[in-house]
N, C-alpha and C. Protein backbone atom coordinates (compact mmCIF):
# COMPACT_ATOMS: atom_id res chain seq x y z
N MET A 1 106.19 120.54 179.17
CA MET A 1 106.80 121.29 178.58
C MET A 1 107.53 121.01 177.74
N ALA A 2 107.47 121.01 176.13
CA ALA A 2 107.79 120.57 174.93
C ALA A 2 109.12 119.65 175.14
N TYR A 3 108.95 118.65 174.31
CA TYR A 3 110.10 117.74 173.70
C TYR A 3 111.08 118.49 173.19
N HIS A 4 111.24 119.77 172.52
CA HIS A 4 112.46 120.64 172.13
C HIS A 4 113.04 121.24 173.30
N ASN A 5 111.83 122.06 173.53
CA ASN A 5 112.35 122.62 175.63
C ASN A 5 113.08 121.74 176.67
N ASP A 6 113.07 120.27 176.50
CA ASP A 6 113.05 119.20 177.00
C ASP A 6 114.70 118.92 176.69
N LEU A 7 114.70 118.93 174.93
CA LEU A 7 116.13 118.69 174.42
C LEU A 7 117.61 119.40 174.64
N GLY A 8 116.58 121.43 174.45
CA GLY A 8 117.97 122.07 174.29
C GLY A 8 118.08 122.17 176.05
N ASN A 9 117.26 121.78 177.16
CA ASN A 9 118.23 121.71 177.71
C ASN A 9 119.05 120.99 178.25
N GLU A 10 118.50 119.60 177.55
CA GLU A 10 119.60 118.41 178.44
C GLU A 10 120.97 118.51 177.12
N GLY A 11 120.85 119.57 176.26
CA GLY A 11 122.52 120.02 175.37
C GLY A 11 122.83 121.01 176.47
N GLU A 12 122.32 121.89 176.89
CA GLU A 12 123.04 123.18 178.14
C GLU A 12 123.28 122.54 179.13
N ASN A 13 123.25 121.35 179.44
CA ASN A 13 123.32 120.57 180.07
C ASN A 13 124.71 119.85 180.64
N LEU A 14 124.03 119.62 178.88
CA LEU A 14 125.59 118.24 178.61
C LEU A 14 126.96 119.53 178.42
N ALA A 15 126.80 119.76 177.72
CA ALA A 15 127.80 121.89 176.86
C ALA A 15 127.88 122.14 177.99
N ALA A 16 127.35 122.40 179.11
CA ALA A 16 128.00 123.06 180.62
C ALA A 16 128.86 122.01 180.99
N ALA A 17 128.68 120.63 181.36
CA ALA A 17 129.44 119.41 181.19
C ALA A 17 130.87 119.34 180.98
N TYR A 18 131.03 119.20 179.48
CA TYR A 18 131.73 119.00 178.44
C TYR A 18 133.37 120.37 178.88
N LEU A 19 132.63 121.58 179.25
CA LEU A 19 133.28 122.51 179.55
C LEU A 19 134.05 122.60 180.95
N LEU A 20 133.26 121.88 181.83
CA LEU A 20 134.19 122.16 183.09
C LEU A 20 134.87 120.96 183.25
N ASN A 21 134.79 120.04 182.13
CA ASN A 21 135.71 118.76 181.67
C ASN A 21 136.86 119.00 181.42
N HIS A 22 136.91 120.68 180.60
CA HIS A 22 138.26 120.75 179.99
C HIS A 22 138.52 122.18 180.35
N GLY A 23 137.75 122.95 181.49
CA GLY A 23 139.10 123.62 182.05
C GLY A 23 138.54 124.18 182.59
N TYR A 24 136.90 124.67 181.50
CA TYR A 24 136.64 126.41 181.82
C TYR A 24 135.76 126.10 183.55
N GLU A 25 135.54 128.04 183.47
CA GLU A 25 134.50 127.84 184.56
C GLU A 25 133.82 128.38 184.20
N ILE A 26 132.25 128.14 185.17
CA ILE A 26 131.13 128.09 184.75
C ILE A 26 130.49 129.49 185.66
N LEU A 27 130.10 130.48 185.05
CA LEU A 27 130.28 131.82 185.83
C LEU A 27 128.86 132.15 186.01
N GLU A 28 128.34 131.31 185.18
CA GLU A 28 125.99 131.58 184.80
C GLU A 28 125.71 131.41 182.96
N ARG A 29 124.63 130.46 184.25
CA ARG A 29 123.69 129.71 183.14
C ARG A 29 122.20 130.83 182.26
N ASN A 30 121.79 131.14 181.13
CA ASN A 30 121.04 131.29 181.10
C ASN A 30 120.85 132.98 181.44
N PHE A 31 121.84 133.78 181.11
CA PHE A 31 121.82 135.10 181.46
C PHE A 31 121.38 135.43 180.69
N PHE A 32 119.85 136.69 180.92
CA PHE A 32 118.84 137.36 180.51
C PHE A 32 119.33 138.81 179.91
N PHE A 33 119.31 139.48 178.82
CA PHE A 33 119.51 140.95 178.69
C PHE A 33 118.84 141.16 178.09
N ARG A 34 117.10 142.15 178.50
CA ARG A 34 115.98 142.21 177.76
C ARG A 34 115.87 141.21 176.57
N LYS A 35 115.40 141.60 175.64
CA LYS A 35 115.23 139.93 175.47
C LYS A 35 115.94 138.94 174.49
N ALA A 36 118.12 138.87 175.02
CA ALA A 36 118.70 138.44 173.99
C ALA A 36 119.14 137.59 176.09
N GLU A 37 119.53 136.17 175.16
CA GLU A 37 119.55 135.36 176.32
C GLU A 37 120.59 134.35 175.79
N ILE A 38 122.08 134.45 176.87
CA ILE A 38 123.49 134.06 176.76
C ILE A 38 123.20 132.45 177.58
N ASP A 39 123.39 131.46 177.18
CA ASP A 39 123.54 130.24 177.23
C ASP A 39 123.92 130.03 179.04
N ILE A 40 125.29 130.21 177.67
CA ILE A 40 126.13 129.50 179.23
C ILE A 40 127.34 130.86 179.24
N ILE A 41 127.71 131.65 180.02
CA ILE A 41 128.77 131.60 180.49
C ILE A 41 130.27 131.67 181.11
N ALA A 42 131.56 131.36 180.82
CA ALA A 42 131.93 130.70 181.43
C ALA A 42 133.24 131.80 181.17
N ARG A 43 134.72 131.00 182.41
CA ARG A 43 135.82 131.74 182.28
C ARG A 43 136.91 131.23 181.39
N LYS A 44 137.88 130.98 180.85
CA LYS A 44 138.91 129.90 181.26
C LYS A 44 140.12 130.70 180.93
N GLY A 45 141.38 131.05 182.18
CA GLY A 45 142.13 132.60 182.94
C GLY A 45 141.34 133.17 182.32
N GLU A 46 142.06 134.15 181.66
CA GLU A 46 141.59 135.70 181.12
C GLU A 46 141.03 135.99 180.49
N MET A 47 140.19 134.42 179.15
CA MET A 47 139.17 134.42 179.12
C MET A 47 137.93 134.71 178.84
N LEU A 48 136.99 136.11 179.36
CA LEU A 48 135.28 135.70 179.37
C LEU A 48 134.67 133.99 177.50
N VAL A 49 134.79 133.43 178.61
CA VAL A 49 133.02 132.63 177.14
C VAL A 49 131.86 132.82 176.75
N ILE A 50 131.64 133.80 175.56
CA ILE A 50 130.43 133.71 175.87
C ILE A 50 129.70 132.37 174.60
N VAL A 51 129.01 132.15 175.44
CA VAL A 51 128.50 130.03 174.58
C VAL A 51 126.90 130.40 174.08
N GLU A 52 127.14 129.93 172.83
CA GLU A 52 125.99 129.58 172.56
C GLU A 52 125.72 127.88 172.34
N VAL A 53 125.01 127.25 172.56
CA VAL A 53 124.21 126.32 172.53
C VAL A 53 123.81 125.80 171.74
N LYS A 54 123.59 124.47 170.90
CA LYS A 54 122.64 124.42 169.57
C LYS A 54 122.22 123.21 169.86
N THR A 55 121.31 122.54 170.18
CA THR A 55 121.43 121.20 170.58
C THR A 55 120.68 120.67 169.03
N ARG A 56 120.18 119.58 167.96
CA ARG A 56 119.27 118.64 167.38
C ARG A 56 119.28 117.60 168.08
N ASN A 57 118.17 117.59 167.16
CA ASN A 57 117.37 114.87 167.31
C ASN A 57 118.28 114.60 166.04
N SER A 58 118.47 115.33 164.85
CA SER A 58 119.22 114.53 163.48
C SER A 58 120.23 116.17 162.95
N SER A 59 120.78 115.94 161.84
CA SER A 59 121.63 116.69 161.26
C SER A 59 120.59 116.99 160.15
N PHE A 60 120.10 115.98 160.04
CA PHE A 60 119.11 115.61 158.07
C PHE A 60 118.96 117.24 157.72
N PHE A 61 118.50 118.83 158.53
CA PHE A 61 118.18 119.23 158.27
C PHE A 61 120.20 120.33 157.79
N GLY A 62 120.64 120.00 158.84
CA GLY A 62 122.13 120.67 158.88
C GLY A 62 122.83 120.51 160.29
N ASP A 63 123.74 120.84 160.09
CA ASP A 63 124.70 120.70 161.40
C ASP A 63 124.00 122.13 162.73
N PRO A 64 124.41 121.73 163.59
CA PRO A 64 123.35 122.20 165.08
C PRO A 64 124.20 123.51 165.06
N GLN A 65 125.71 123.81 165.14
CA GLN A 65 126.20 124.83 164.72
C GLN A 65 125.80 125.94 163.62
N SER A 66 124.91 125.32 162.04
CA SER A 66 124.30 126.26 161.26
C SER A 66 122.75 127.08 161.32
N PHE A 67 123.13 126.20 162.45
CA PHE A 67 121.69 127.60 163.06
C PHE A 67 121.46 128.53 163.61
N VAL A 68 122.35 129.32 164.57
CA VAL A 68 123.01 130.98 164.71
C VAL A 68 123.16 131.61 163.87
N SER A 69 121.49 132.46 164.13
CA SER A 69 121.35 133.33 163.13
C SER A 69 122.58 134.91 163.18
N LYS A 70 122.26 135.28 161.75
CA LYS A 70 123.06 137.07 162.36
C LYS A 70 121.75 137.77 163.92
N SER A 71 120.84 137.30 163.68
CA SER A 71 120.30 137.83 164.91
C SER A 71 120.64 138.08 166.09
N LYS A 72 120.92 136.85 165.45
CA LYS A 72 121.12 135.94 166.87
C LYS A 72 122.48 135.94 168.17
N VAL A 73 123.72 136.54 166.70
CA VAL A 73 124.85 137.04 166.91
C VAL A 73 125.08 137.83 167.41
N LYS A 74 123.73 139.41 167.16
CA LYS A 74 123.52 140.65 167.63
C LYS A 74 123.67 140.35 169.10
N SER A 75 122.38 140.57 169.19
CA SER A 75 122.17 139.87 170.40
C SER A 75 123.19 139.49 171.31
N LEU A 76 123.48 138.27 171.11
CA LEU A 76 124.84 137.93 172.33
C LEU A 76 125.50 138.55 172.15
N VAL A 77 126.22 139.74 171.10
CA VAL A 77 127.39 140.46 171.48
C VAL A 77 126.72 141.84 172.26
N LYS A 78 125.35 141.84 172.84
CA LYS A 78 124.99 143.27 172.86
C LYS A 78 124.18 142.94 174.44
N ALA A 79 124.69 142.04 174.86
CA ALA A 79 124.15 140.79 175.61
C ALA A 79 125.02 140.45 177.01
N ALA A 80 126.44 140.09 175.97
CA ALA A 80 127.59 140.44 176.66
C ALA A 80 128.42 141.29 177.20
N ASN A 81 127.99 142.57 175.85
CA ASN A 81 128.67 143.55 177.02
C ASN A 81 128.22 144.31 177.58
N GLU A 82 126.32 143.61 178.25
CA GLU A 82 125.76 144.49 179.01
C GLU A 82 126.77 143.72 180.38
N TYR A 83 126.73 142.43 180.35
CA TYR A 83 127.59 141.27 181.36
C TYR A 83 128.95 142.10 181.55
N VAL A 84 130.00 142.09 180.59
CA VAL A 84 130.89 142.46 181.02
C VAL A 84 131.01 144.51 181.47
N GLN A 85 130.22 144.68 181.20
CA GLN A 85 129.79 146.53 182.12
C GLN A 85 129.19 146.41 183.33
N ARG A 86 128.21 144.87 183.25
CA ARG A 86 127.44 144.97 185.36
C ARG A 86 128.28 144.36 185.69
N HIS A 87 129.90 143.72 185.74
CA HIS A 87 130.39 143.03 186.64
C HIS A 87 131.46 143.88 186.53
N GLU A 88 131.76 144.21 185.69
CA GLU A 88 133.19 145.29 185.81
C GLU A 88 134.96 144.81 185.20
N LEU A 89 133.92 143.92 183.89
CA LEU A 89 135.18 142.51 183.90
C LEU A 89 136.32 143.63 183.31
N ASP A 90 137.62 143.24 183.21
CA ASP A 90 138.53 143.96 182.24
C ASP A 90 139.31 142.28 181.62
N LEU A 91 138.62 141.95 180.54
CA LEU A 91 138.69 139.81 180.07
C LEU A 91 139.15 140.31 178.35
N GLU A 92 139.19 139.82 177.97
CA GLU A 92 138.84 139.60 176.58
C GLU A 92 137.65 138.56 176.36
N VAL A 93 136.92 138.69 175.53
CA VAL A 93 135.93 137.97 174.99
C VAL A 93 135.93 137.42 173.99
N ARG A 94 135.28 135.92 174.19
CA ARG A 94 135.25 134.88 173.13
C ARG A 94 133.84 134.82 172.66
N PHE A 95 133.95 134.57 171.49
CA PHE A 95 132.09 134.00 171.15
C PHE A 95 132.32 132.46 170.81
N ASP A 96 131.41 131.69 171.48
CA ASP A 96 132.08 130.18 171.02
C ASP A 96 130.47 129.48 170.70
N ILE A 97 129.99 128.17 170.21
CA ILE A 97 128.87 127.87 169.53
C ILE A 97 129.47 126.11 170.37
N VAL A 98 129.11 126.03 170.99
CA VAL A 98 128.98 123.90 171.75
C VAL A 98 127.66 123.42 170.70
N ALA A 99 128.19 122.47 170.04
CA ALA A 99 126.73 122.39 168.81
C ALA A 99 126.58 120.69 170.05
N VAL A 100 125.80 120.22 169.70
CA VAL A 100 125.32 118.61 170.68
C VAL A 100 124.15 118.29 169.30
N LEU A 101 124.08 116.97 169.33
CA LEU A 101 123.89 116.53 168.13
C LEU A 101 122.96 115.37 169.34
N LYS A 102 122.35 114.88 169.66
CA LYS A 102 121.32 114.06 170.50
C LYS A 102 120.24 112.97 170.14
N ASN A 103 120.46 112.02 170.02
CA ASN A 103 119.57 111.39 169.67
C ASN A 103 119.59 110.55 170.30
N ASN A 104 119.27 108.62 170.47
CA ASN A 104 119.11 107.81 171.16
C ASN A 104 120.14 107.35 170.99
N THR A 105 120.38 107.11 170.20
CA THR A 105 121.92 106.40 169.19
C THR A 105 122.87 107.15 169.51
N ILE A 106 123.21 107.74 169.40
CA ILE A 106 123.88 109.39 169.16
C ILE A 106 123.96 110.74 169.99
N GLU A 107 125.33 110.54 170.43
CA GLU A 107 125.67 111.79 171.77
C GLU A 107 126.97 112.39 171.52
N ARG A 108 126.86 113.49 170.32
CA ARG A 108 128.14 114.11 170.25
C ARG A 108 127.84 115.87 170.75
N ILE A 109 129.34 115.93 170.90
CA ILE A 109 129.57 117.14 171.31
C ILE A 109 130.94 118.20 170.54
N GLU A 110 130.54 118.82 169.59
CA GLU A 110 130.95 119.56 169.34
C GLU A 110 131.13 121.25 169.26
N HIS A 111 132.65 121.64 170.32
CA HIS A 111 132.96 122.85 170.78
C HIS A 111 134.07 124.04 169.43
N PHE A 112 132.93 124.59 169.11
CA PHE A 112 133.59 125.86 168.14
C PHE A 112 134.55 127.52 168.58
N GLU A 113 135.01 127.03 169.27
CA GLU A 113 135.94 128.44 169.43
C GLU A 113 136.07 129.57 168.64
N ASP A 114 136.37 130.96 168.94
CA ASP A 114 135.70 132.03 168.02
C ASP A 114 135.09 131.32 167.04
N ALA A 115 133.81 131.42 167.54
CA ALA A 115 132.54 130.75 165.81
C ALA A 115 132.41 131.81 165.02
N PHE A 116 132.49 132.98 165.96
CA PHE A 116 132.02 134.52 164.64
C PHE A 116 132.78 135.72 165.89
N TYR A 117 132.58 136.37 164.94
CA TYR A 117 133.33 137.44 164.64
C TYR A 117 132.28 138.43 164.90
N TYR A 118 132.53 139.61 165.46
CA TYR A 118 131.55 140.80 166.74
C TYR A 118 131.41 142.11 165.25
N PHE A 119 132.69 142.66 165.09
CA PHE A 119 133.13 143.36 164.53
C PHE A 119 132.32 143.68 162.94
């Protein structure tokens, strides 16, 4: 597996652990709907949280969270809608980003709640 895939997987594992430590229940990881993927689907109380994890080994080209594109937001919304319908959920939905900066000297996790709006 390529280094960037390993780094991405490690970032998702760190993000999941972070969320668990902050009272979230992980419902699913790597949920696919057509070509869209949701990294983590979590629940906290009556809130369904759709989490996009962005991992980088350097912030030289920008912070990890700045790499979530408009097309990614659209695909996350479609996949989240499918997940809610498939599981017949009646919960409020929130879209978060967990940004992970990880290299040999740094391991930083930032959680951005309500990271984007989908209307």
